[in-house]
């Protein structure tokens, strides 16, 4: 886990849970105080991050703001498409249908990058991640 400047905040132990809380504009991780924004990054490019009962590709930004926590999953477009197409259509469907869904999902994502759903993230509403 690192801060906004990339400095280590805390080493998370794989398969061990940590409790995150927002207190007075600061982030509390277990018994340790932390900056109001931290990044949880997997150890490898193919690693996953586990948050609130779900696994996520890419890094997760945790933001403490006004006594609430917001989690934002940051990942590249191809990883996003892999996840969203796989969750919306069975892999057994015809290849052309899967390709069409990937094009639609990419167009949707690009439109929201141009006009973000929120100042903190581009896309929202697909995950419990938005508010931890």
C-alpha atoms as a PDB file:
ATOM      1  CA  UNK A   1       0.000   0.000   0.000  1.00  0.00           C
ATOM      2  CA  UNK A   2       1.402   3.397  -1.001  1.00  0.00           C
ATOM      3  CA  UNK A   3       0.434   7.059  -0.676  1.00  0.00           C
ATOM      4  CA  UNK A   4      -0.166   9.515  -3.543  1.00  0.00           C
ATOM      5  CA  UNK A   5       3.608  10.025  -3.960  1.00  0.00           C
ATOM      6  CA  UNK A   6       4.297   6.281  -4.145  1.00  0.00           C
ATOM      7  CA  UNK A   7       5.807   6.059  -0.660  1.00  0.00           C
ATOM      8  CA  UNK A   8       5.085   2.874   1.282  1.00  0.00           C
ATOM      9  CA  UNK A   9       2.351   3.278   3.886  1.00  0.00           C
ATOM     10  CA  UNK A  10       1.908  -0.307   5.011  1.00  0.00           C
ATOM     11  CA  UNK A  11       2.803  -3.768   3.763  1.00  0.00           C
ATOM     12  CA  UNK A  12      -0.358  -5.826   3.496  1.00  0.00           C
ATOM     13  CA  UNK A  13      -0.123  -9.513   4.258  1.00  0.00           C
ATOM     14  CA  UNK A  14      -1.682 -11.715   1.544  1.00  0.00           C
ATOM     15  CA  UNK A  15      -4.852 -13.487   2.738  1.00  0.00           C
ATOM     16  CA  UNK A  16      -5.012 -11.328   5.889  1.00  0.00           C
ATOM     17  CA  UNK A  17      -7.862  -8.832   6.255  1.00  0.00           C
ATOM     18  CA  UNK A  18      -7.336  -5.185   7.169  1.00  0.00           C
ATOM     19  CA  UNK A  19     -10.108  -2.926   8.425  1.00  0.00           C
ATOM     20  CA  UNK A  20     -10.246   0.513   6.757  1.00  0.00           C
ATOM     21  CA  UNK A  21     -12.142   3.376   8.414  1.00  0.00           C
ATOM     22  CA  UNK A  22     -12.508   7.096   7.759  1.00  0.00           C
ATOM     23  CA  UNK A  23     -11.985   9.227  10.859  1.00  0.00           C
ATOM     24  CA  UNK A  24     -11.894  13.007  10.756  1.00  0.00           C
ATOM     25  CA  UNK A  25     -10.681  13.274   7.172  1.00  0.00           C
ATOM     26  CA  UNK A  26      -7.967  10.690   7.781  1.00  0.00           C
ATOM     27  CA  UNK A  27      -7.799   7.045   6.923  1.00  0.00           C
ATOM     28  CA  UNK A  28      -7.373   4.464   9.665  1.00  0.00           C
ATOM     29  CA  UNK A  29      -6.006   1.064   8.595  1.00  0.00           C
ATOM     30  CA  UNK A  30      -6.344  -1.301  11.508  1.00  0.00           C
ATOM     31  CA  UNK A  31      -4.654   0.617  14.326  1.00  0.00           C
ATOM     32  CA  UNK A  32      -2.423   2.675  12.005  1.00  0.00           C
ATOM     33  CA  UNK A  33      -3.237   6.186  10.785  1.00  0.00           C
ATOM     34  CA  UNK A  34      -2.673   6.834   7.084  1.00  0.00           C
ATOM     35  CA  UNK A  35      -3.099   9.690   4.599  1.00  0.00           C
ATOM     36  CA  UNK A  36      -6.644  10.253   3.329  1.00  0.00           C
ATOM     37  CA  UNK A  37      -5.735   8.619  -0.017  1.00  0.00           C
ATOM     38  CA  UNK A  38      -3.834   5.355  -0.408  1.00  0.00           C
ATOM     39  CA  UNK A  39      -3.295   2.905  -3.237  1.00  0.00           C
ATOM     40  CA  UNK A  40      -3.477  -0.852  -2.829  1.00  0.00           C
ATOM     41  CA  UNK A  41      -1.423  -2.421  -5.575  1.00  0.00           C
ATOM     42  CA  UNK A  42      -0.957  -6.129  -6.309  1.00  0.00           C
ATOM     43  CA  UNK A  43       2.585  -7.464  -6.142  1.00  0.00           C
ATOM     44  CA  UNK A  44       2.556  -8.433  -9.838  1.00  0.00           C
ATOM     45  CA  UNK A  45       0.875  -7.214 -13.016  1.00  0.00           C
ATOM     46  CA  UNK A  46      -1.386 -10.272 -12.974  1.00  0.00           C
ATOM     47  CA  UNK A  47      -2.155 -10.010  -9.249  1.00  0.00           C
ATOM     48  CA  UNK A  48      -5.562  -9.204  -7.825  1.00  0.00           C
ATOM     49  CA  UNK A  49      -6.790  -7.031  -4.957  1.00  0.00           C
ATOM     50  CA  UNK A  50      -9.576  -8.282  -2.654  1.00  0.00           C
ATOM     51  CA  UNK A  51     -12.009  -5.632  -1.378  1.00  0.00           C
ATOM     52  CA  UNK A  52     -15.382  -6.080   0.301  1.00  0.00           C
ATOM     53  CA  UNK A  53     -15.838  -9.678  -0.818  1.00  0.00           C
ATOM     54  CA  UNK A  54     -14.694  -9.287  -4.444  1.00  0.00           C
ATOM     55  CA  UNK A  55     -11.452  -9.630  -6.403  1.00  0.00           C
ATOM     56  CA  UNK A  56     -10.312  -6.755  -8.625  1.00  0.00           C
ATOM     57  CA  UNK A  57      -7.704  -6.510 -11.374  1.00  0.00           C
ATOM     58  CA  UNK A  58      -5.427  -3.472 -11.253  1.00  0.00           C
ATOM     59  CA  UNK A  59      -4.854  -1.094  -8.356  1.00  0.00           C
ATOM     60  CA  UNK A  60      -7.465   0.101  -5.884  1.00  0.00           C
ATOM     61  CA  UNK A  61      -7.416   3.684  -4.664  1.00  0.00           C
ATOM     62  CA  UNK A  62      -9.009   4.153  -1.214  1.00  0.00           C
ATOM     63  CA  UNK A  63     -10.163   7.699  -0.401  1.00  0.00           C
ATOM     64  CA  UNK A  64     -11.359   8.949   2.996  1.00  0.00           C
ATOM     65  CA  UNK A  65     -13.614  11.966   2.511  1.00  0.00           C
ATOM     66  CA  UNK A  66     -16.237  13.472   4.842  1.00  0.00           C
ATOM     67  CA  UNK A  67     -16.239  10.421   7.099  1.00  0.00           C
ATOM     68  CA  UNK A  68     -16.850   7.996   4.219  1.00  0.00           C
ATOM     69  CA  UNK A  69     -14.627   5.656   2.238  1.00  0.00           C
ATOM     70  CA  UNK A  70     -14.622   5.465  -1.530  1.00  0.00           C
ATOM     71  CA  UNK A  71     -12.791   2.720  -3.391  1.00  0.00           C
ATOM     72  CA  UNK A  72     -11.844   3.237  -7.018  1.00  0.00           C
ATOM     73  CA  UNK A  73     -10.552   0.385  -9.158  1.00  0.00           C
ATOM     74  CA  UNK A  74      -7.918   1.634 -11.623  1.00  0.00           C
ATOM     75  CA  UNK A  75      -7.180  -0.647 -14.547  1.00  0.00           C
ATOM     76  CA  UNK A  76      -6.323  -0.510 -18.222  1.00  0.00           C
ATOM     77  CA  UNK A  77      -9.021  -0.680 -20.894  1.00  0.00           C
ATOM     78  CA  UNK A  78      -8.284  -4.268 -21.940  1.00  0.00           C
ATOM     79  CA  UNK A  79      -8.585  -5.545 -18.362  1.00  0.00           C
ATOM     80  CA  UNK A  80     -11.828  -3.606 -17.976  1.00  0.00           C
ATOM     81  CA  UNK A  81     -13.227  -5.122 -21.175  1.00  0.00           C
ATOM     82  CA  UNK A  82     -12.159  -8.613 -20.154  1.00  0.00           C
ATOM     83  CA  UNK A  83     -14.101  -8.245 -16.916  1.00  0.00           C
ATOM     84  CA  UNK A  84     -17.192  -6.507 -18.235  1.00  0.00           C
ATOM     85  CA  UNK A  85     -17.731  -8.648 -21.329  1.00  0.00           C
ATOM     86  CA  UNK A  86     -17.197 -11.798 -19.286  1.00  0.00           C
ATOM     87  CA  UNK A  87     -19.767 -10.667 -16.732  1.00  0.00           C
ATOM     88  CA  UNK A  88     -22.370  -9.666 -19.332  1.00  0.00           C
ATOM     89  CA  UNK A  89     -22.191 -12.607 -21.746  1.00  0.00           C
ATOM     90  CA  UNK A  90     -21.302 -16.297 -21.467  1.00  0.00           C
ATOM     91  CA  UNK A  91     -18.062 -17.234 -23.247  1.00  0.00           C
ATOM     92  CA  UNK A  92     -20.025 -19.911 -25.102  1.00  0.00           C
ATOM     93  CA  UNK A  93     -21.932 -17.293 -27.136  1.00  0.00           C
ATOM     94  CA  UNK A  94     -20.903 -16.760 -30.780  1.00  0.00           C
ATOM     95  CA  UNK A  95     -17.574 -14.982 -31.235  1.00  0.00           C
ATOM     96  CA  UNK A  96     -19.148 -12.167 -33.274  1.00  0.00           C
ATOM     97  CA  UNK A  97     -21.608 -11.436 -30.448  1.00  0.00           C
ATOM     98  CA  UNK A  98     -18.718 -11.255 -27.957  1.00  0.00           C
ATOM     99  CA  UNK A  99     -16.805  -8.923 -30.286  1.00  0.00           C
ATOM    100  CA  UNK A 100     -19.875  -6.688 -30.631  1.00  0.00           C
ATOM    101  CA  UNK A 101     -20.261  -6.526 -26.869  1.00  0.00           C
ATOM    102  CA  UNK A 102     -16.583  -5.597 -26.502  1.00  0.00           C
ATOM    103  CA  UNK A 103     -17.025  -2.746 -28.999  1.00  0.00           C
ATOM    104  CA  UNK A 104     -20.123  -1.494 -27.172  1.00  0.00           C
ATOM    105  CA  UNK A 105     -18.372  -1.702 -23.790  1.00  0.00           C
ATOM    106  CA  UNK A 106     -15.286   0.119 -25.111  1.00  0.00           C
ATOM    107  CA  UNK A 107     -17.458   2.879 -26.629  1.00  0.00           C
ATOM    108  CA  UNK A 108     -19.364   3.239 -23.347  1.00  0.00           C
ATOM    109  CA  UNK A 109     -16.118   3.450 -21.349  1.00  0.00           C
ATOM    110  CA  UNK A 110     -14.529   5.992 -23.701  1.00  0.00           C
ATOM    111  CA  UNK A 111     -17.646   8.183 -23.544  1.00  0.00           C
ATOM    112  CA  UNK A 112     -17.461   8.162 -19.742  1.00  0.00           C
ATOM    113  CA  UNK A 113     -13.746   8.921 -19.741  1.00  0.00           C
ATOM    114  CA  UNK A 114     -14.610  12.039 -21.757  1.00  0.00           C
ATOM    115  CA  UNK A 115     -17.451  12.859 -19.318  1.00  0.00           C
ATOM    116  CA  UNK A 116     -16.697  11.166 -16.000  1.00  0.00           C
ATOM    117  CA  UNK A 117     -19.490   9.924 -13.726  1.00  0.00           C
ATOM    118  CA  UNK A 118     -17.793  11.567 -10.747  1.00  0.00           C
ATOM    119  CA  UNK A 119     -14.692  13.693 -10.092  1.00  0.00           C
ATOM    120  CA  UNK A 120     -13.086  10.629  -8.475  1.00  0.00           C
ATOM    121  CA  UNK A 121     -13.811   8.031 -11.173  1.00  0.00           C
ATOM    122  CA  UNK A 122     -14.846   7.634 -14.812  1.00  0.00           C
ATOM    123  CA  UNK A 123     -17.338   4.786 -14.566  1.00  0.00           C
ATOM    124  CA  UNK A 124     -19.590   3.940 -11.668  1.00  0.00           C
ATOM    125  CA  UNK A 125     -22.515   1.831 -10.658  1.00  0.00           C
ATOM    126  CA  UNK A 126     -21.186  -1.603 -11.568  1.00  0.00           C
ATOM    127  CA  UNK A 127     -19.645  -2.415  -8.264  1.00  0.00           C
ATOM    128  CA  UNK A 128     -19.943  -2.212  -4.537  1.00  0.00           C
ATOM    129  CA  UNK A 129     -16.503  -0.627  -4.756  1.00  0.00           C
ATOM    130  CA  UNK A 130     -17.780   2.921  -5.276  1.00  0.00           C
ATOM    131  CA  UNK A 131     -18.685   3.250  -1.586  1.00  0.00           C
ATOM    132  CA  UNK A 132     -16.887   0.922   0.764  1.00  0.00           C
END
